[in-house]
Amino acid sequence: MNILKKLWAYIRQASGDDAYERYYAHHQLNHSKSEPMNRAEYFKYWQKNKWTGVTRCC
């Protein structure tokens, strides 16, 4: 069972599915005085950063 949990965690991390949870944990540790973005705000922020600018070599 423990192996399945580790595999699932790896898949979520590799696919970016756990991005909000990682952002939230980082925010709590390093920026606890400010309010974190909610899931919808974070998703918009992530999408904007992902699709802004040149994302390929050619």
N, C-alpha and C. Protein backbone atom coordinates (compact mmCIF):
# COMPACT_ATOMS: atom_id res chain seq x y z
N MET A 1 0.82 -1.20 0.00
CA MET A 1 0.00 0.00 0.00
C MET A 1 0.86 1.26 0.00
N ASN A 2 1.93 1.23 0.77
CA ASN A 2 2.81 2.39 0.84
C ASN A 2 3.44 2.69 -0.52
N ILE A 3 3.76 1.66 -1.27
CA ILE A 3 4.35 1.84 -2.60
C ILE A 3 3.35 2.53 -3.53
N LEU A 4 2.09 2.16 -3.45
CA LEU A 4 1.06 2.80 -4.28
C LEU A 4 0.91 4.28 -3.95
N LYS A 5 0.97 4.61 -2.66
CA LYS A 5 0.89 6.03 -2.26
C LYS A 5 2.07 6.82 -2.81
N LYS A 6 3.25 6.24 -2.73
CA LYS A 6 4.45 6.91 -3.26
C LYS A 6 4.36 7.07 -4.78
N LEU A 7 3.89 6.03 -5.44
CA LEU A 7 3.73 6.10 -6.90
C LEU A 7 2.71 7.17 -7.27
N TRP A 8 1.60 7.20 -6.57
CA TRP A 8 0.57 8.20 -6.84
C TRP A 8 1.10 9.62 -6.59
N ALA A 9 1.85 9.81 -5.51
CA ALA A 9 2.44 11.12 -5.22
C ALA A 9 3.41 11.53 -6.33
N TYR A 10 4.20 10.56 -6.82
CA TYR A 10 5.13 10.85 -7.91
C TYR A 10 4.38 11.25 -9.19
N ILE A 11 3.34 10.52 -9.51
CA ILE A 11 2.55 10.84 -10.71
C ILE A 11 1.93 12.23 -10.60
N ARG A 12 1.39 12.54 -9.43
CA ARG A 12 0.80 13.87 -9.23
C ARG A 12 1.85 14.97 -9.37
N GLN A 13 3.04 14.74 -8.82
CA GLN A 13 4.09 15.74 -8.92
C GLN A 13 4.58 15.89 -10.36
N ALA A 14 4.80 14.78 -11.04
CA ALA A 14 5.29 14.81 -12.42
C ALA A 14 4.30 15.48 -13.36
N SER A 15 3.00 15.31 -13.10
CA SER A 15 1.99 15.90 -13.97
C SER A 15 1.63 17.33 -13.57
N GLY A 16 2.07 17.76 -12.39
CA GLY A 16 1.74 19.11 -11.93
C GLY A 16 0.42 19.18 -11.19
N ASP A 17 -0.20 18.03 -10.96
CA ASP A 17 -1.50 18.00 -10.31
C ASP A 17 -1.44 18.49 -8.86
N ASP A 18 -0.28 18.39 -8.23
CA ASP A 18 -0.15 18.81 -6.83
C ASP A 18 0.45 20.21 -6.70
N ALA A 19 0.44 20.98 -7.78
CA ALA A 19 1.08 22.29 -7.78
C ALA A 19 0.49 23.22 -6.72
N TYR A 20 -0.82 23.24 -6.58
CA TYR A 20 -1.42 24.13 -5.59
C TYR A 20 -1.02 23.72 -4.19
N GLU A 21 -1.02 22.43 -3.89
CA GLU A 21 -0.63 21.97 -2.55
C GLU A 21 0.82 22.34 -2.25
N ARG A 22 1.70 22.21 -3.23
CA ARG A 22 3.10 22.60 -3.02
C ARG A 22 3.22 24.10 -2.84
N TYR A 23 2.48 24.88 -3.65
CA TYR A 23 2.48 26.34 -3.48
C TYR A 23 1.99 26.72 -2.09
N TYR A 24 0.90 26.11 -1.64
CA TYR A 24 0.32 26.45 -0.35
C TYR A 24 1.28 26.11 0.79
N ALA A 25 1.93 24.96 0.73
CA ALA A 25 2.90 24.58 1.76
C ALA A 25 4.07 25.56 1.78
N HIS A 26 4.57 25.93 0.61
CA HIS A 26 5.65 26.91 0.53
C HIS A 26 5.21 28.25 1.11
N HIS A 27 4.02 28.67 0.77
CA HIS A 27 3.50 29.95 1.24
C HIS A 27 3.38 29.96 2.76
N GLN A 28 2.88 28.89 3.33
CA GLN A 28 2.73 28.81 4.79
C GLN A 28 4.08 28.88 5.49
N LEU A 29 5.11 28.26 4.92
CA LEU A 29 6.43 28.27 5.54
C LEU A 29 7.17 29.60 5.38
N ASN A 30 7.02 30.23 4.23
CA ASN A 30 7.86 31.39 3.91
C ASN A 30 7.14 32.73 3.89
N HIS A 31 5.83 32.73 3.78
CA HIS A 31 5.08 33.98 3.65
C HIS A 31 3.83 33.96 4.53
N SER A 32 3.97 33.50 5.74
CA SER A 32 2.80 33.25 6.58
C SER A 32 2.04 34.52 6.97
N LYS A 33 2.64 35.69 6.81
CA LYS A 33 1.96 36.93 7.20
C LYS A 33 0.98 37.41 6.12
N SER A 34 1.13 36.94 4.91
CA SER A 34 0.22 37.36 3.83
C SER A 34 -0.77 36.25 3.52
N GLU A 35 -1.86 36.63 2.91
CA GLU A 35 -2.93 35.69 2.55
C GLU A 35 -2.55 34.94 1.27
N PRO A 36 -2.64 33.61 1.25
CA PRO A 36 -2.32 32.86 0.03
C PRO A 36 -3.42 32.98 -1.02
N MET A 37 -3.07 32.73 -2.26
CA MET A 37 -4.07 32.71 -3.33
C MET A 37 -4.95 31.48 -3.12
N ASN A 38 -6.21 31.60 -3.52
CA ASN A 38 -7.07 30.41 -3.50
C ASN A 38 -6.78 29.60 -4.76
N ARG A 39 -7.42 28.43 -4.88
CA ARG A 39 -7.14 27.55 -6.03
C ARG A 39 -7.41 28.22 -7.37
N ALA A 40 -8.51 28.95 -7.47
CA ALA A 40 -8.85 29.59 -8.74
C ALA A 40 -7.83 30.67 -9.10
N GLU A 41 -7.43 31.48 -8.14
CA GLU A 41 -6.43 32.52 -8.39
C GLU A 41 -5.09 31.89 -8.79
N TYR A 42 -4.72 30.84 -8.07
CA TYR A 42 -3.46 30.17 -8.38
C TYR A 42 -3.50 29.58 -9.78
N PHE A 43 -4.60 28.97 -10.17
CA PHE A 43 -4.72 28.38 -11.50
C PHE A 43 -4.56 29.46 -12.58
N LYS A 44 -5.20 30.61 -12.41
CA LYS A 44 -5.05 31.70 -13.38
C LYS A 44 -3.61 32.18 -13.45
N TYR A 45 -2.97 32.33 -12.28
CA TYR A 45 -1.57 32.75 -12.22
C TYR A 45 -0.68 31.73 -12.93
N TRP A 46 -0.91 30.44 -12.68
CA TRP A 46 -0.12 29.37 -13.28
C TRP A 46 -0.30 29.36 -14.79
N GLN A 47 -1.53 29.49 -15.26
CA GLN A 47 -1.81 29.50 -16.70
C GLN A 47 -1.14 30.68 -17.38
N LYS A 48 -1.22 31.86 -16.76
CA LYS A 48 -0.61 33.05 -17.34
C LYS A 48 0.90 32.86 -17.48
N ASN A 49 1.55 32.36 -16.44
CA ASN A 49 2.99 32.15 -16.49
C ASN A 49 3.38 31.05 -17.47
N LYS A 50 2.55 30.04 -17.58
CA LYS A 50 2.86 28.93 -18.49
C LYS A 50 2.79 29.37 -19.95
N TRP A 51 1.83 30.19 -20.30
CA TRP A 51 1.58 30.52 -21.70
C TRP A 51 2.07 31.89 -22.12
N THR A 52 2.77 32.61 -21.25
CA THR A 52 3.29 33.92 -21.61
C THR A 52 4.75 33.78 -22.04
N GLY A 53 5.09 34.42 -23.13
CA GLY A 53 6.47 34.39 -23.60
C GLY A 53 6.75 33.23 -24.51
N VAL A 54 8.00 33.13 -24.93
CA VAL A 54 8.44 32.07 -25.82
C VAL A 54 8.59 30.79 -25.01
N THR A 55 7.94 29.73 -25.46
CA THR A 55 8.02 28.46 -24.74
C THR A 55 8.66 27.36 -25.58
N ARG A 56 9.27 27.72 -26.67
CA ARG A 56 9.94 26.73 -27.51
C ARG A 56 11.24 27.31 -28.05
N CYS A 57 12.05 26.49 -28.61
CA CYS A 57 13.37 26.95 -29.07
C CYS A 57 13.35 27.55 -30.47
N CYS A 58 12.42 27.16 -31.31
CA CYS A 58 12.44 27.60 -32.72
C CYS A 58 11.17 28.28 -33.14
